[in-house]
Amino acid sequence: MAWTLDARIPLTLLADAGALAAALVAGPPAALLLEAGTTAPPGAAAAARFDASLPHAVACACCQGRGPVAEALDRLFLARVRGQVPWFQRVLALVETPAGRALVEAALGGDAVTAARFRREG
């Protein structure tokens, strides 16, 4: 019998605020990853925002190879391990725009640190 353990934090992509509210109620403690300008509903352990409208491409020279989603997820992860926010077991990402979804997918698939800490679920 083969055992596998994936200790990375699960990240679920959600397309609207209704799905986010339902997911918050339905599961264990969660942190939120939100596009800039989005209001965080109550009940989350923590929240981080990213700007999907930045004029820079992911991995441009001035951003040192890290995109806005990777940086937002870093803030969540570090706040969690430092005890600055309540412990959360998952991240719910509200991505209402195609640009936001593309940035999250790029971070999960192309940023080594993000991929080591988080895994896409659902």
C-alpha atoms as a PDB file:
ATOM      1  CA  MET A   1       0.000   0.000   0.000  1.00  0.00           C
ATOM      2  CA  ALA A   2       1.430   3.349  -1.043  1.00  0.00           C
ATOM      3  CA  TRP A   3       0.985   6.392   1.164  1.00  0.00           C
ATOM      4  CA  THR A   4       1.241   9.930  -0.030  1.00  0.00           C
ATOM      5  CA  LEU A   5       1.102  13.089   2.001  1.00  0.00           C
ATOM      6  CA  ASP A   6       0.757  16.530   0.499  1.00  0.00           C
ATOM      7  CA  ALA A   7       1.220  18.999   3.339  1.00  0.00           C
ATOM      8  CA  ARG A   8       0.827  22.044   1.119  1.00  0.00           C
ATOM      9  CA  ILE A   9      -2.041  24.406   1.921  1.00  0.00           C
ATOM     10  CA  PRO A  10      -5.011  23.807  -0.418  1.00  0.00           C
ATOM     11  CA  LEU A  11      -6.097  26.811  -2.482  1.00  0.00           C
ATOM     12  CA  THR A  12      -9.566  26.870  -4.045  1.00  0.00           C
ATOM     13  CA  LEU A  13     -10.458  29.263  -6.866  1.00  0.00           C
ATOM     14  CA  LEU A  14     -13.936  30.800  -6.614  1.00  0.00           C
ATOM     15  CA  ALA A  15     -15.627  32.993  -9.218  1.00  0.00           C
ATOM     16  CA  ASP A  16     -18.163  34.969  -7.175  1.00  0.00           C
ATOM     17  CA  ALA A  17     -18.877  36.320  -3.707  1.00  0.00           C
ATOM     18  CA  GLY A  18     -21.766  33.894  -3.139  1.00  0.00           C
ATOM     19  CA  ALA A  19     -19.513  30.887  -3.651  1.00  0.00           C
ATOM     20  CA  LEU A  20     -16.944  32.461  -1.342  1.00  0.00           C
ATOM     21  CA  ALA A  21     -19.475  33.000   1.456  1.00  0.00           C
ATOM     22  CA  ALA A  22     -20.704  29.412   1.134  1.00  0.00           C
ATOM     23  CA  ALA A  23     -17.160  28.014   1.152  1.00  0.00           C
ATOM     24  CA  LEU A  24     -16.256  30.005   4.259  1.00  0.00           C
ATOM     25  CA  VAL A  25     -19.164  28.490   6.163  1.00  0.00           C
ATOM     26  CA  ALA A  26     -18.714  24.964   4.819  1.00  0.00           C
ATOM     27  CA  GLY A  27     -15.181  24.127   5.820  1.00  0.00           C
ATOM     28  CA  PRO A  28     -12.274  24.534   8.206  1.00  0.00           C
ATOM     29  CA  PRO A  29     -10.697  27.941   8.939  1.00  0.00           C
ATOM     30  CA  ALA A  30      -9.683  29.753   5.769  1.00  0.00           C
ATOM     31  CA  ALA A  31      -7.647  32.710   4.620  1.00  0.00           C
ATOM     32  CA  LEU A  32      -8.754  34.771   1.646  1.00  0.00           C
ATOM     33  CA  LEU A  33      -6.853  35.762  -1.480  1.00  0.00           C
ATOM     34  CA  LEU A  34      -8.694  38.670  -3.096  1.00  0.00           C
ATOM     35  CA  GLU A  35      -8.261  40.948  -6.055  1.00  0.00           C
ATOM     36  CA  ALA A  36      -7.629  44.579  -5.105  1.00  0.00           C
ATOM     37  CA  GLY A  37     -10.836  46.459  -4.353  1.00  0.00           C
ATOM     38  CA  THR A  38     -12.742  43.372  -3.226  1.00  0.00           C
ATOM     39  CA  THR A  39     -14.330  43.482   0.211  1.00  0.00           C
ATOM     40  CA  ALA A  40     -13.547  40.570   2.493  1.00  0.00           C
ATOM     41  CA  PRO A  41     -16.606  38.917   4.033  1.00  0.00           C
ATOM     42  CA  PRO A  42     -16.551  38.211   7.778  1.00  0.00           C
ATOM     43  CA  GLY A  43     -15.404  34.858   9.035  1.00  0.00           C
ATOM     44  CA  ALA A  44     -11.955  34.576   7.453  1.00  0.00           C
ATOM     45  CA  ALA A  45      -8.798  33.999   9.482  1.00  0.00           C
ATOM     46  CA  ALA A  46      -6.834  36.423   7.290  1.00  0.00           C
ATOM     47  CA  ALA A  47      -6.937  38.140   3.917  1.00  0.00           C
ATOM     48  CA  ALA A  48      -4.385  39.292   1.353  1.00  0.00           C
ATOM     49  CA  ARG A  49      -5.012  41.255  -1.815  1.00  0.00           C
ATOM     50  CA  PHE A  50      -3.272  41.456  -5.172  1.00  0.00           C
ATOM     51  CA  ASP A  51      -3.613  43.888  -8.049  1.00  0.00           C
ATOM     52  CA  ALA A  52      -4.488  42.138 -11.308  1.00  0.00           C
ATOM     53  CA  SER A  53      -4.289  45.375 -13.284  1.00  0.00           C
ATOM     54  CA  LEU A  54      -0.567  45.997 -12.860  1.00  0.00           C
ATOM     55  CA  PRO A  55       1.109  46.976 -16.124  1.00  0.00           C
ATOM     56  CA  HIS A  56       3.983  44.563 -15.562  1.00  0.00           C
ATOM     57  CA  ALA A  57       4.254  41.043 -16.885  1.00  0.00           C
ATOM     58  CA  VAL A  58       4.830  38.231 -14.435  1.00  0.00           C
ATOM     59  CA  ALA A  59       8.579  37.808 -13.851  1.00  0.00           C
ATOM     60  CA  CYS A  60       9.543  41.241 -15.218  1.00  0.00           C
ATOM     61  CA  ALA A  61      12.987  42.507 -14.194  1.00  0.00           C
ATOM     62  CA  CYS A  62      11.695  45.212 -11.837  1.00  0.00           C
ATOM     63  CA  CYS A  63       9.488  42.779  -9.898  1.00  0.00           C
ATOM     64  CA  GLN A  64      12.388  40.361  -9.339  1.00  0.00           C
ATOM     65  CA  GLY A  65      10.521  37.432 -10.840  1.00  0.00           C
ATOM     66  CA  ARG A  66       7.655  37.377  -8.330  1.00  0.00           C
ATOM     67  CA  GLY A  67       4.123  38.202  -9.376  1.00  0.00           C
ATOM     68  CA  PRO A  68       1.528  39.993  -7.237  1.00  0.00           C
ATOM     69  CA  VAL A  69      -0.266  36.738  -6.339  1.00  0.00           C
ATOM     70  CA  ALA A  70       2.971  35.064  -5.217  1.00  0.00           C
ATOM     71  CA  GLU A  71       3.702  38.062  -3.010  1.00  0.00           C
ATOM     72  CA  ALA A  72       0.177  38.062  -1.536  1.00  0.00           C
ATOM     73  CA  LEU A  73       0.402  34.336  -0.786  1.00  0.00           C
ATOM     74  CA  ASP A  74       3.811  34.925   0.829  1.00  0.00           C
ATOM     75  CA  ARG A  75       2.225  37.487   3.147  1.00  0.00           C
ATOM     76  CA  LEU A  76      -0.498  35.012   4.138  1.00  0.00           C
ATOM     77  CA  PHE A  77       1.928  32.146   4.694  1.00  0.00           C
ATOM     78  CA  LEU A  78       4.366  34.197   6.755  1.00  0.00           C
ATOM     79  CA  ALA A  79       1.612  35.716   8.892  1.00  0.00           C
ATOM     80  CA  ARG A  80       0.362  32.179   9.569  1.00  0.00           C
ATOM     81  CA  VAL A  81       3.712  30.715  10.624  1.00  0.00           C
ATOM     82  CA  ARG A  82       4.614  33.775  12.707  1.00  0.00           C
ATOM     83  CA  GLY A  83       1.324  33.571  14.602  1.00  0.00           C
ATOM     84  CA  GLN A  84       0.212  37.022  13.431  1.00  0.00           C
ATOM     85  CA  VAL A  85      -3.151  35.667  12.246  1.00  0.00           C
ATOM     86  CA  PRO A  86      -5.292  32.750  13.413  1.00  0.00           C
ATOM     87  CA  TRP A  87      -4.197  29.386  12.009  1.00  0.00           C
ATOM     88  CA  PHE A  88      -5.939  28.594   8.728  1.00  0.00           C
ATOM     89  CA  GLN A  89      -6.092  25.267   6.934  1.00  0.00           C
ATOM     90  CA  ARG A  90      -6.941  26.478   3.429  1.00  0.00           C
ATOM     91  CA  VAL A  91      -7.009  29.515   1.161  1.00  0.00           C
ATOM     92  CA  LEU A  92     -10.083  30.633  -0.756  1.00  0.00           C
ATOM     93  CA  ALA A  93      -9.216  32.771  -3.777  1.00  0.00           C
ATOM     94  CA  LEU A  94     -11.946  35.016  -5.135  1.00  0.00           C
ATOM     95  CA  VAL A  95     -10.959  35.720  -8.743  1.00  0.00           C
ATOM     96  CA  GLU A  96     -13.734  37.497 -10.594  1.00  0.00           C
ATOM     97  CA  THR A  97     -11.681  38.573 -13.616  1.00  0.00           C
ATOM     98  CA  PRO A  98      -9.829  36.544 -16.248  1.00  0.00           C
ATOM     99  CA  ALA A  99      -6.664  38.515 -15.439  1.00  0.00           C
ATOM    100  CA  GLY A 100      -6.939  37.585 -11.761  1.00  0.00           C
ATOM    101  CA  ARG A 101      -7.464  33.917 -12.557  1.00  0.00           C
ATOM    102  CA  ALA A 102      -4.472  33.941 -14.917  1.00  0.00           C
ATOM    103  CA  LEU A 103      -2.245  35.476 -12.229  1.00  0.00           C
ATOM    104  CA  VAL A 104      -3.268  32.853  -9.660  1.00  0.00           C
ATOM    105  CA  GLU A 105      -2.669  30.032 -12.153  1.00  0.00           C
ATOM    106  CA  ALA A 106       0.718  31.532 -13.082  1.00  0.00           C
ATOM    107  CA  ALA A 107       1.776  31.713  -9.430  1.00  0.00           C
ATOM    108  CA  LEU A 108       0.719  28.137  -8.677  1.00  0.00           C
ATOM    109  CA  GLY A 109       2.334  26.776 -11.821  1.00  0.00           C
ATOM    110  CA  GLY A 110       5.389  28.971 -12.250  1.00  0.00           C
ATOM    111  CA  ASP A 111       6.550  30.239  -8.875  1.00  0.00           C
ATOM    112  CA  ALA A 112       8.614  27.620  -7.059  1.00  0.00           C
ATOM    113  CA  VAL A 113       8.021  29.001  -3.554  1.00  0.00           C
ATOM    114  CA  THR A 114       4.273  29.288  -4.090  1.00  0.00           C
ATOM    115  CA  ALA A 115       4.103  25.768  -5.533  1.00  0.00           C
ATOM    116  CA  ALA A 116       6.017  24.439  -2.522  1.00  0.00           C
ATOM    117  CA  ARG A 117       3.586  26.008  -0.045  1.00  0.00           C
ATOM    118  CA  PHE A 118       0.212  25.821  -1.830  1.00  0.00           C
ATOM    119  CA  ARG A 119      -1.642  23.383  -4.058  1.00  0.00           C
ATOM    120  CA  ARG A 120      -4.705  23.972  -6.170  1.00  0.00           C
ATOM    121  CA  GLU A 121      -7.795  22.174  -4.993  1.00  0.00           C
ATOM    122  CA  GLY A 122     -11.020  21.738  -6.892  1.00  0.00           C
END
